[in-house]
C-alpha atoms as a PDB file:
ATOM      1  CA  UNK A   1      93.095  74.868 145.186  1.00  0.00           C
ATOM      2  CA  UNK A   2      89.597  76.366 145.464  1.00  0.00           C
ATOM      3  CA  UNK A   3      87.580  77.539 142.485  1.00  0.00           C
ATOM      4  CA  UNK A   4      87.848  81.100 143.771  1.00  0.00           C
ATOM      5  CA  UNK A   5      91.587  80.983 143.112  1.00  0.00           C
ATOM      6  CA  UNK A   6      90.999  79.934 139.491  1.00  0.00           C
ATOM      7  CA  UNK A   7      88.622  82.876 139.093  1.00  0.00           C
ATOM      8  CA  UNK A   8      91.325  85.164 140.497  1.00  0.00           C
ATOM      9  CA  UNK A   9      93.799  83.841 137.931  1.00  0.00           C
ATOM     10  CA  UNK A  10      91.477  85.217 135.264  1.00  0.00           C
ATOM     11  CA  UNK A  11      90.998  88.426 137.299  1.00  0.00           C
ATOM     12  CA  UNK A  12      87.304  87.658 137.790  1.00  0.00           C
ATOM     13  CA  UNK A  13      84.896  87.426 140.724  1.00  0.00           C
ATOM     14  CA  UNK A  14      83.481  83.997 141.565  1.00  0.00           C
ATOM     15  CA  UNK A  15      80.090  85.166 140.231  1.00  0.00           C
ATOM     16  CA  UNK A  16      81.402  85.645 136.678  1.00  0.00           C
ATOM     17  CA  UNK A  17      79.272  84.204 133.879  1.00  0.00           C
ATOM     18  CA  UNK A  18      80.620  81.801 131.200  1.00  0.00           C
ATOM     19  CA  UNK A  19      80.620  84.682 128.711  1.00  0.00           C
ATOM     20  CA  UNK A  20      82.748  86.795 131.070  1.00  0.00           C
ATOM     21  CA  UNK A  21      85.108  83.840 131.649  1.00  0.00           C
ATOM     22  CA  UNK A  22      85.702  83.399 127.925  1.00  0.00           C
ATOM     23  CA  UNK A  23      86.164  87.143 127.400  1.00  0.00           C
ATOM     24  CA  UNK A  24      88.729  87.381 130.215  1.00  0.00           C
ATOM     25  CA  UNK A  25      90.547  84.284 128.931  1.00  0.00           C
ATOM     26  CA  UNK A  26      90.884  85.694 125.421  1.00  0.00           C
ATOM     27  CA  UNK A  27      92.205  88.991 126.774  1.00  0.00           C
ATOM     28  CA  UNK A  28      94.806  87.400 129.077  1.00  0.00           C
ATOM     29  CA  UNK A  29      95.803  84.805 126.486  1.00  0.00           C
ATOM     30  CA  UNK A  30      96.596  87.574 124.019  1.00  0.00           C
ATOM     31  CA  UNK A  31      98.536  89.504 126.688  1.00  0.00           C
ATOM     32  CA  UNK A  32     100.705  86.591 127.898  1.00  0.00           C
ATOM     33  CA  UNK A  33     101.049  84.512 124.715  1.00  0.00           C
ATOM     34  CA  UNK A  34     104.790  83.703 124.287  1.00  0.00           C
ATOM     35  CA  UNK A  35     104.664  84.634 120.602  1.00  0.00           C
ATOM     36  CA  UNK A  36     103.591  88.164 121.539  1.00  0.00           C
ATOM     37  CA  UNK A  37     106.316  88.625 124.162  1.00  0.00           C
ATOM     38  CA  UNK A  38     109.534  88.397 122.186  1.00  0.00           C
ATOM     39  CA  UNK A  39     112.526  87.989 124.446  1.00  0.00           C
ATOM     40  CA  UNK A  40     110.310  87.263 127.496  1.00  0.00           C
ATOM     41  CA  UNK A  41     109.033  83.820 126.555  1.00  0.00           C
ATOM     42  CA  UNK A  42     110.558  82.098 129.590  1.00  0.00           C
ATOM     43  CA  UNK A  43     108.882  84.495 132.053  1.00  0.00           C
ATOM     44  CA  UNK A  44     105.400  84.615 130.489  1.00  0.00           C
ATOM     45  CA  UNK A  45     104.990  80.934 129.602  1.00  0.00           C
ATOM     46  CA  UNK A  46     104.245  79.792 133.233  1.00  0.00           C
ATOM     47  CA  UNK A  47     101.636  82.554 133.542  1.00  0.00           C
ATOM     48  CA  UNK A  48     100.165  81.559 130.185  1.00  0.00           C
ATOM     49  CA  UNK A  49      99.867  77.918 131.328  1.00  0.00           C
ATOM     50  CA  UNK A  50      98.141  78.913 134.586  1.00  0.00           C
ATOM     51  CA  UNK A  51      95.627  81.012 132.645  1.00  0.00           C
ATOM     52  CA  UNK A  52      94.976  78.049 130.324  1.00  0.00           C
ATOM     53  CA  UNK A  53      94.480  75.703 133.282  1.00  0.00           C
ATOM     54  CA  UNK A  54      92.061  78.063 135.042  1.00  0.00           C
ATOM     55  CA  UNK A  55      89.986  78.506 131.896  1.00  0.00           C
ATOM     56  CA  UNK A  56      89.714  74.761 131.214  1.00  0.00           C
ATOM     57  CA  UNK A  57      88.679  74.056 134.800  1.00  0.00           C
ATOM     58  CA  UNK A  58      86.082  76.834 134.978  1.00  0.00           C
ATOM     59  CA  UNK A  59      84.391  75.831 131.702  1.00  0.00           C
ATOM     60  CA  UNK A  60      84.431  72.141 132.651  1.00  0.00           C
ATOM     61  CA  UNK A  61      86.998  70.824 130.201  1.00  0.00           C
ATOM     62  CA  UNK A  62      89.315  69.772 133.025  1.00  0.00           C
ATOM     63  CA  UNK A  63      88.673  68.555 136.553  1.00  0.00           C
ATOM     64  CA  UNK A  64      90.076  70.598 139.365  1.00  0.00           C
ATOM     65  CA  UNK A  65      92.712  68.709 141.390  1.00  0.00           C
ATOM     66  CA  UNK A  66      91.386  67.618 144.783  1.00  0.00           C
ATOM     67  CA  UNK A  67      93.876  68.016 147.625  1.00  0.00           C
ATOM     68  CA  UNK A  68      94.401  64.723 149.412  1.00  0.00           C
ATOM     69  CA  UNK A  69      93.799  64.624 153.189  1.00  0.00           C
ATOM     70  CA  UNK A  70      96.605  63.844 155.592  1.00  0.00           C
ATOM     71  CA  UNK A  71      97.019  60.074 155.991  1.00  0.00           C
ATOM     72  CA  UNK A  72      99.580  57.763 157.373  1.00  0.00           C
ATOM     73  CA  UNK A  73     102.116  56.025 155.160  1.00  0.00           C
ATOM     74  CA  UNK A  74     100.042  52.819 154.904  1.00  0.00           C
ATOM     75  CA  UNK A  75      96.875  54.690 153.986  1.00  0.00           C
ATOM     76  CA  UNK A  76      98.775  56.797 151.473  1.00  0.00           C
ATOM     77  CA  UNK A  77     100.186  53.683 149.779  1.00  0.00           C
ATOM     78  CA  UNK A  78      96.714  52.130 149.700  1.00  0.00           C
ATOM     79  CA  UNK A  79      95.273  55.256 148.117  1.00  0.00           C
ATOM     80  CA  UNK A  80      98.068  55.256 145.527  1.00  0.00           C
ATOM     81  CA  UNK A  81      97.282  51.632 144.608  1.00  0.00           C
ATOM     82  CA  UNK A  82      93.573  52.327 144.315  1.00  0.00           C
ATOM     83  CA  UNK A  83      94.034  55.545 142.357  1.00  0.00           C
ATOM     84  CA  UNK A  84      93.195  55.154 138.692  1.00  0.00           C
ATOM     85  CA  UNK A  85      95.675  56.530 136.117  1.00  0.00           C
ATOM     86  CA  UNK A  86      94.900  60.066 135.024  1.00  0.00           C
ATOM     87  CA  UNK A  87      92.843  60.423 131.899  1.00  0.00           C
ATOM     88  CA  UNK A  88      94.817  61.880 128.993  1.00  0.00           C
ATOM     89  CA  UNK A  89      93.647  65.344 128.079  1.00  0.00           C
ATOM     90  CA  UNK A  90      94.069  67.218 124.834  1.00  0.00           C
ATOM     91  CA  UNK A  91      94.778  70.894 124.610  1.00  0.00           C
ATOM     92  CA  UNK A  92      92.450  72.986 122.479  1.00  0.00           C
ATOM     93  CA  UNK A  93      93.878  74.266 119.198  1.00  0.00           C
ATOM     94  CA  UNK A  94      94.962  77.878 119.297  1.00  0.00           C
ATOM     95  CA  UNK A  95      95.249  80.216 116.341  1.00  0.00           C
ATOM     96  CA  UNK A  96      98.688  81.648 115.659  1.00  0.00           C
ATOM     97  CA  UNK A  97      99.488  85.311 116.181  1.00  0.00           C
ATOM     98  CA  UNK A  98      99.264  87.820 113.347  1.00  0.00           C
ATOM     99  CA  UNK A  99     102.480  89.175 111.869  1.00  0.00           C
ATOM    100  CA  UNK A 100     102.910  92.888 111.111  1.00  0.00           C
ATOM    101  CA  UNK A 101     105.362  93.990 108.418  1.00  0.00           C
ATOM    102  CA  UNK A 102     106.027  96.946 106.136  1.00  0.00           C
ATOM    103  CA  UNK A 103     105.466  96.508 102.408  1.00  0.00           C
ATOM    104  CA  UNK A 104     107.733  98.703 100.302  1.00  0.00           C
ATOM    105  CA  UNK A 105     105.828  99.594  97.128  1.00  0.00           C
ATOM    106  CA  UNK A 106     107.548 101.375  94.209  1.00  0.00           C
ATOM    107  CA  UNK A 107     105.836 104.357  92.572  1.00  0.00           C
ATOM    108  CA  UNK A 108     104.852 102.431  89.464  1.00  0.00           C
ATOM    109  CA  UNK A 109     102.956  99.784  91.445  1.00  0.00           C
ATOM    110  CA  UNK A 110     101.399 102.386  93.769  1.00  0.00           C
ATOM    111  CA  UNK A 111      99.928 104.321  90.834  1.00  0.00           C
ATOM    112  CA  UNK A 112      99.115 101.601  88.299  1.00  0.00           C
ATOM    113  CA  UNK A 113      98.966  98.482  90.494  1.00  0.00           C
ATOM    114  CA  UNK A 114     101.086  95.357  90.260  1.00  0.00           C
ATOM    115  CA  UNK A 115     102.710  92.575  92.261  1.00  0.00           C
ATOM    116  CA  UNK A 116     105.185  93.340  95.042  1.00  0.00           C
ATOM    117  CA  UNK A 117     107.337  90.753  96.801  1.00  0.00           C
ATOM    118  CA  UNK A 118     107.557  91.041 100.588  1.00  0.00           C
ATOM    119  CA  UNK A 119     110.200  89.374 102.774  1.00  0.00           C
ATOM    120  CA  UNK A 120     109.500  89.140 106.513  1.00  0.00           C
ATOM    121  CA  UNK A 121     110.222  86.997 109.578  1.00  0.00           C
ATOM    122  CA  UNK A 122     107.822  84.680 111.446  1.00  0.00           C
ATOM    123  CA  UNK A 123     108.114  81.732 113.816  1.00  0.00           C
ATOM    124  CA  UNK A 124     106.972  78.196 113.106  1.00  0.00           C
ATOM    125  CA  UNK A 125     107.757  74.524 113.827  1.00  0.00           C
ATOM    126  CA  UNK A 126     111.490  73.960 113.627  1.00  0.00           C
ATOM    127  CA  UNK A 127     112.294  72.672 110.157  1.00  0.00           C
ATOM    128  CA  UNK A 128     115.445  70.883 111.337  1.00  0.00           C
ATOM    129  CA  UNK A 129     113.995  68.709 114.115  1.00  0.00           C
ATOM    130  CA  UNK A 130     110.408  68.861 112.764  1.00  0.00           C
ATOM    131  CA  UNK A 131     109.179  70.347 116.052  1.00  0.00           C
ATOM    132  CA  UNK A 132     110.152  67.260 118.112  1.00  0.00           C
ATOM    133  CA  UNK A 133     112.015  69.373 120.694  1.00  0.00           C
ATOM    134  CA  UNK A 134     115.279  67.380 120.415  1.00  0.00           C
ATOM    135  CA  UNK A 135     117.644  69.100 122.829  1.00  0.00           C
ATOM    136  CA  UNK A 136     120.507  68.468 120.445  1.00  0.00           C
ATOM    137  CA  UNK A 137     118.857  70.505 117.691  1.00  0.00           C
ATOM    138  CA  UNK A 138     121.274  73.377 116.978  1.00  0.00           C
ATOM    139  CA  UNK A 139     118.523  75.492 115.395  1.00  0.00           C
ATOM    140  CA  UNK A 140     115.745  75.677 117.992  1.00  0.00           C
ATOM    141  CA  UNK A 141     117.694  74.329 121.036  1.00  0.00           C
ATOM    142  CA  UNK A 142     114.697  72.272 122.137  1.00  0.00           C
ATOM    143  CA  UNK A 143     112.140  75.076 121.830  1.00  0.00           C
ATOM    144  CA  UNK A 144     110.270  73.299 118.997  1.00  0.00           C
ATOM    145  CA  UNK A 145     109.910  76.590 117.111  1.00  0.00           C
ATOM    146  CA  UNK A 146     112.411  78.686 115.194  1.00  0.00           C
ATOM    147  CA  UNK A 147     112.512  81.934 113.245  1.00  0.00           C
ATOM    148  CA  UNK A 148     111.629  81.534 109.589  1.00  0.00           C
ATOM    149  CA  UNK A 149     112.058  83.910 106.674  1.00  0.00           C
ATOM    150  CA  UNK A 150     108.970  84.088 104.470  1.00  0.00           C
ATOM    151  CA  UNK A 151     108.593  85.498 100.970  1.00  0.00           C
ATOM    152  CA  UNK A 152     105.088  86.562  99.987  1.00  0.00           C
ATOM    153  CA  UNK A 153     103.851  88.085  96.733  1.00  0.00           C
ATOM    154  CA  UNK A 154     101.179  90.730  97.365  1.00  0.00           C
ATOM    155  CA  UNK A 155      98.877  92.012  94.631  1.00  0.00           C
ATOM    156  CA  UNK A 156      98.648  95.816  94.844  1.00  0.00           C
ATOM    157  CA  UNK A 157      95.575  97.540  93.426  1.00  0.00           C
ATOM    158  CA  UNK A 158      95.947 100.803  91.450  1.00  0.00           C
ATOM    159  CA  UNK A 159      95.952 103.918  93.612  1.00  0.00           C
ATOM    160  CA  UNK A 160      97.719 102.551  96.709  1.00  0.00           C
ATOM    161  CA  UNK A 161      98.478 105.000  99.535  1.00  0.00           C
ATOM    162  CA  UNK A 162     100.925 105.182 102.423  1.00  0.00           C
ATOM    163  CA  UNK A 163      99.634 103.213 105.398  1.00  0.00           C
ATOM    164  CA  UNK A 164      97.148 101.170 103.363  1.00  0.00           C
ATOM    165  CA  UNK A 165      96.860  97.653 104.761  1.00  0.00           C
ATOM    166  CA  UNK A 166      96.909  94.366 102.896  1.00  0.00           C
ATOM    167  CA  UNK A 167      96.079  91.117 104.725  1.00  0.00           C
ATOM    168  CA  UNK A 168      97.386  87.728 103.580  1.00  0.00           C
ATOM    169  CA  UNK A 169      95.402  85.046 105.391  1.00  0.00           C
ATOM    170  CA  UNK A 170      97.523  82.297 106.910  1.00  0.00           C
ATOM    171  CA  UNK A 171     100.761  84.193 106.355  1.00  0.00           C
ATOM    172  CA  UNK A 172     101.480  84.860 110.056  1.00  0.00           C
ATOM    173  CA  UNK A 173     102.796  82.778 112.960  1.00  0.00           C
ATOM    174  CA  UNK A 174     102.027  79.063 113.136  1.00  0.00           C
ATOM    175  CA  UNK A 175      99.122  77.897 115.290  1.00  0.00           C
ATOM    176  CA  UNK A 176      99.488  75.909 118.530  1.00  0.00           C
ATOM    177  CA  UNK A 177      98.165  72.351 119.037  1.00  0.00           C
ATOM    178  CA  UNK A 178      96.924  72.155 115.474  1.00  0.00           C
ATOM    179  CA  UNK A 179      95.415  75.620 115.392  1.00  0.00           C
ATOM    180  CA  UNK A 180      95.247  77.703 112.227  1.00  0.00           C
ATOM    181  CA  UNK A 181      98.114  80.092 111.473  1.00  0.00           C
ATOM    182  CA  UNK A 182      97.677  83.811 111.973  1.00  0.00           C
ATOM    183  CA  UNK A 183      97.584  86.375 109.177  1.00  0.00           C
ATOM    184  CA  UNK A 184     100.314  88.547 107.698  1.00  0.00           C
ATOM    185  CA  UNK A 185      99.273  92.201 107.825  1.00  0.00           C
ATOM    186  CA  UNK A 186     101.274  94.514 105.572  1.00  0.00           C
ATOM    187  CA  UNK A 187     101.393  98.311 105.817  1.00  0.00           C
ATOM    188  CA  UNK A 188     102.194 100.072 102.530  1.00  0.00           C
ATOM    189  CA  UNK A 189     105.257 102.332 102.364  1.00  0.00           C
ATOM    190  CA  UNK A 190     105.622 104.023  98.955  1.00  0.00           C
ATOM    191  CA  UNK A 191     109.236 104.412  97.848  1.00  0.00           C
ATOM    192  CA  UNK A 192     110.645 106.699  95.133  1.00  0.00           C
ATOM    193  CA  UNK A 193     113.677 105.988  93.009  1.00  0.00           C
ATOM    194  CA  UNK A 194     116.381 108.624  92.593  1.00  0.00           C
ATOM    195  CA  UNK A 195     114.809 109.679  89.271  1.00  0.00           C
ATOM    196  CA  UNK A 196     111.718 111.076  91.020  1.00  0.00           C
ATOM    197  CA  UNK A 197     111.000 113.822  93.514  1.00  0.00           C
ATOM    198  CA  UNK A 198     107.950 113.664  95.754  1.00  0.00           C
ATOM    199  CA  UNK A 199     105.933 116.382  97.476  1.00  0.00           C
ATOM    200  CA  UNK A 200     102.947 114.786  99.195  1.00  0.00           C
ATOM    201  CA  UNK A 201     100.777 113.326  96.458  1.00  0.00           C
ATOM    202  CA  UNK A 202     102.677 115.191  93.729  1.00  0.00           C
ATOM    203  CA  UNK A 203     105.664 113.644  91.956  1.00  0.00           C
ATOM    204  CA  UNK A 204     108.125 115.119  89.474  1.00  0.00           C
ATOM    205  CA  UNK A 205     110.884 113.917  87.164  1.00  0.00           C
ATOM    206  CA  UNK A 206     113.020 115.113  84.250  1.00  0.00           C
ATOM    207  CA  UNK A 207     112.489 114.190  80.602  1.00  0.00           C
ATOM    208  CA  UNK A 208     115.015 114.751  77.835  1.00  0.00           C
ATOM    209  CA  UNK A 209     114.064 116.968  74.857  1.00  0.00           C
ATOM    210  CA  UNK A 210     116.442 117.871  72.031  1.00  0.00           C
ATOM    211  CA  UNK A 211     116.992 121.598  71.551  1.00  0.00           C
ATOM    212  CA  UNK A 212     115.507 121.578  68.019  1.00  0.00           C
ATOM    213  CA  UNK A 213     112.150 120.364  69.370  1.00  0.00           C
ATOM    214  CA  UNK A 214     112.473 122.846  72.246  1.00  0.00           C
ATOM    215  CA  UNK A 215     112.925 125.687  69.727  1.00  0.00           C
ATOM    216  CA  UNK A 216     110.342 124.626  67.178  1.00  0.00           C
ATOM    217  CA  UNK A 217     107.856 122.860  69.451  1.00  0.00           C
ATOM    218  CA  UNK A 218     106.267 119.509  68.768  1.00  0.00           C
ATOM    219  CA  UNK A 219     105.262 116.183  70.287  1.00  0.00           C
ATOM    220  CA  UNK A 220     107.721 113.879  72.036  1.00  0.00           C
ATOM    221  CA  UNK A 221     107.263 110.458  73.573  1.00  0.00           C
ATOM    222  CA  UNK A 222     108.532 110.204  77.143  1.00  0.00           C
ATOM    223  CA  UNK A 223     108.893 106.947  79.069  1.00  0.00           C
ATOM    224  CA  UNK A 224     107.798 107.537  82.648  1.00  0.00           C
ATOM    225  CA  UNK A 225     107.065 104.852  85.290  1.00  0.00           C
ATOM    226  CA  UNK A 226     107.284 102.121  82.672  1.00  0.00           C
ATOM    227  CA  UNK A 227     104.742 103.730  80.369  1.00  0.00           C
ATOM    228  CA  UNK A 228     104.965 105.844  77.208  1.00  0.00           C
ATOM    229  CA  UNK A 229     103.514 109.357  77.515  1.00  0.00           C
ATOM    230  CA  UNK A 230     102.805 111.633  74.539  1.00  0.00           C
ATOM    231  CA  UNK A 231     103.919 115.136  75.571  1.00  0.00           C
ATOM    232  CA  UNK A 232     103.407 118.346  73.556  1.00  0.00           C
ATOM    233  CA  UNK A 233     106.306 120.807  73.761  1.00  0.00           C
ATOM    234  CA  UNK A 234     105.516 124.508  73.196  1.00  0.00           C
ATOM    235  CA  UNK A 235     107.869 126.485  70.887  1.00  0.00           C
ATOM    236  CA  UNK A 236     110.855 128.199  72.533  1.00  0.00           C
ATOM    237  CA  UNK A 237     110.708 125.948  75.595  1.00  0.00           C
ATOM    238  CA  UNK A 238     113.469 126.586  78.119  1.00  0.00           C
ATOM    239  CA  UNK A 239     115.527 124.043  80.041  1.00  0.00           C
ATOM    240  CA  UNK A 240     113.699 123.278  83.285  1.00  0.00           C
ATOM    241  CA  UNK A 241     110.283 124.242  81.890  1.00  0.00           C
ATOM    242  CA  UNK A 242     107.513 122.321  83.651  1.00  0.00           C
ATOM    243  CA  UNK A 243     104.664 120.382  82.088  1.00  0.00           C
ATOM    244  CA  UNK A 244     102.028 119.407  84.641  1.00  0.00           C
ATOM    245  CA  UNK A 245      99.841 116.350  84.064  1.00  0.00           C
ATOM    246  CA  UNK A 246      96.987 116.736  86.514  1.00  0.00           C
ATOM    247  CA  UNK A 247      95.624 113.702  88.345  1.00  0.00           C
ATOM    248  CA  UNK A 248      98.496 111.406  87.368  1.00  0.00           C
ATOM    249  CA  UNK A 249     100.295 111.441  90.711  1.00  0.00           C
ATOM    250  CA  UNK A 250      99.741 109.474  93.912  1.00  0.00           C
ATOM    251  CA  UNK A 251      96.441 108.824  95.710  1.00  0.00           C
ATOM    252  CA  UNK A 252      95.405 109.181  99.356  1.00  0.00           C
ATOM    253  CA  UNK A 253      92.846 107.132 101.278  1.00  0.00           C
ATOM    254  CA  UNK A 254      90.046 109.547 100.326  1.00  0.00           C
ATOM    255  CA  UNK A 255      90.703 109.085  96.590  1.00  0.00           C
ATOM    256  CA  UNK A 256      92.343 112.488  96.021  1.00  0.00           C
ATOM    257  CA  UNK A 257      94.963 112.387  93.254  1.00  0.00           C
ATOM    258  CA  UNK A 258      98.150 114.421  92.963  1.00  0.00           C
ATOM    259  CA  UNK A 259      99.898 115.634  89.801  1.00  0.00           C
ATOM    260  CA  UNK A 260     102.833 114.417  87.730  1.00  0.00           C
ATOM    261  CA  UNK A 261     105.186 117.226  86.679  1.00  0.00           C
ATOM    262  CA  UNK A 262     107.725 116.777  83.877  1.00  0.00           C
ATOM    263  CA  UNK A 263     110.740 119.106  83.820  1.00  0.00           C
ATOM    264  CA  UNK A 264     112.476 119.557  80.457  1.00  0.00           C
ATOM    265  CA  UNK A 265     116.159 118.696  80.236  1.00  0.00           C
ATOM    266  CA  UNK A 266     117.597 119.892  76.899  1.00  0.00           C
ATOM    267  CA  UNK A 267     119.968 117.574  75.039  1.00  0.00           C
ATOM    268  CA  UNK A 268     121.695 117.629  71.670  1.00  0.00           C
ATOM    269  CA  UNK A 269     119.820 116.113  68.720  1.00  0.00           C
ATOM    270  CA  UNK A 270     121.062 112.701  67.652  1.00  0.00           C
ATOM    271  CA  UNK A 271     122.202 114.046  64.265  1.00  0.00           C
ATOM    272  CA  UNK A 272     124.173 117.015  65.614  1.00  0.00           C
ATOM    273  CA  UNK A 273     127.523 115.252  65.285  1.00  0.00           C
ATOM    274  CA  UNK A 274     126.881 114.621  61.572  1.00  0.00           C
ATOM    275  CA  UNK A 275     126.314 118.248  60.516  1.00  0.00           C
ATOM    276  CA  UNK A 276     128.552 119.443  57.705  1.00  0.00           C
ATOM    277  CA  UNK A 277     130.650 122.596  57.982  1.00  0.00           C
ATOM    278  CA  UNK A 278     128.264 124.358  55.620  1.00  0.00           C
ATOM    279  CA  UNK A 279     125.222 123.369  57.690  1.00  0.00           C
ATOM    280  CA  UNK A 280     126.933 124.594  60.858  1.00  0.00           C
ATOM    281  CA  UNK A 281     127.726 127.952  59.206  1.00  0.00           C
ATOM    282  CA  UNK A 282     124.113 128.331  58.077  1.00  0.00           C
ATOM    283  CA  UNK A 283     122.933 127.629  61.643  1.00  0.00           C
ATOM    284  CA  UNK A 284     125.323 130.253  62.966  1.00  0.00           C
ATOM    285  CA  UNK A 285     124.012 132.738  60.419  1.00  0.00           C
ATOM    286  CA  UNK A 286     120.366 131.938  61.239  1.00  0.00           C
ATOM    287  CA  UNK A 287     120.859 132.458  64.973  1.00  0.00           C
ATOM    288  CA  UNK A 288     122.982 135.580  64.414  1.00  0.00           C
ATOM    289  CA  UNK A 289     120.213 137.087  62.280  1.00  0.00           C
ATOM    290  CA  UNK A 290     117.641 136.186  64.927  1.00  0.00           C
ATOM    291  CA  UNK A 291     119.716 137.867  67.650  1.00  0.00           C
ATOM    292  CA  UNK A 292     120.022 140.999  65.505  1.00  0.00           C
ATOM    293  CA  UNK A 293     116.230 141.168  64.998  1.00  0.00           C
ATOM    294  CA  UNK A 294     115.701 140.769  68.738  1.00  0.00           C
ATOM    295  CA  UNK A 295     118.148 143.599  69.473  1.00  0.00           C
ATOM    296  CA  UNK A 296     116.387 145.880  66.950  1.00  0.00           C
ATOM    297  CA  UNK A 297     113.008 145.090  68.485  1.00  0.00           C
ATOM    298  CA  UNK A 298     114.350 146.004  71.936  1.00  0.00           C
ATOM    299  CA  UNK A 299     115.704 149.352  70.660  1.00  0.00           C
ATOM    300  CA  UNK A 300     112.359 150.191  69.055  1.00  0.00           C
ATOM    301  CA  UNK A 301     110.518 149.477  72.301  1.00  0.00           C
ATOM    302  CA  UNK A 302     112.739 151.951  74.134  1.00  0.00           C
END
């Protein structure tokens, strides 16, 4: 095979420079690497090998095979006897492919930061046959590599946003011929539990307030996203009333912060079941008197 044919394998003219050869090799290697063609490994691997051979020959790491001239049987046998055994060659190490995966981050970690565990799939040397390509291996069936489930803990910084990327070096696919493994690249997906409602960067939830505090007003301690919040309730608060805490919601890539809105859900006080009959009657009388004053005020306004 002529050198021109090796240049054509790399889609280059025969005048290409070493820099252009390396650039074309990297591009085609990435395109036809078996790890990047899931389900098509058998069809792309021969192409990948031809690209590798052309690159090694053009940069001088491998000698191009010289076609033998036509000879008679005796001359051919003599040439075979005189031919020296081929020199063993080693393949250059190749870095493994990167692995892309989604990282599901709960609200608490997205806002305040924390550790999130990611589970994803990669490929690496078969753990059952240790990559020896035993054709009897039931796991890899002689392919030397097998799918592997990885568990990776990722440290999330406060103020994470949807689509933010985290890179774990060495967490991707295994390298080839001793090459370094690729990286695991995670894309953040913020998830809300059923207790929260989300509108863009704004989030909302309900907090319970007993009706005595709702009537009289006062401070309550609400536990939201794993943290205690001191919330001031205005007198005569209604069920569903909203308290907006500005800048305590989610963040986007520009640093803009949304709000956290707390909606009041009225509940009975803890001591309501222990009221005496006399205390209940006094409460009835108090509220009846209040209703009467309200009615009188309305008549006066008319």
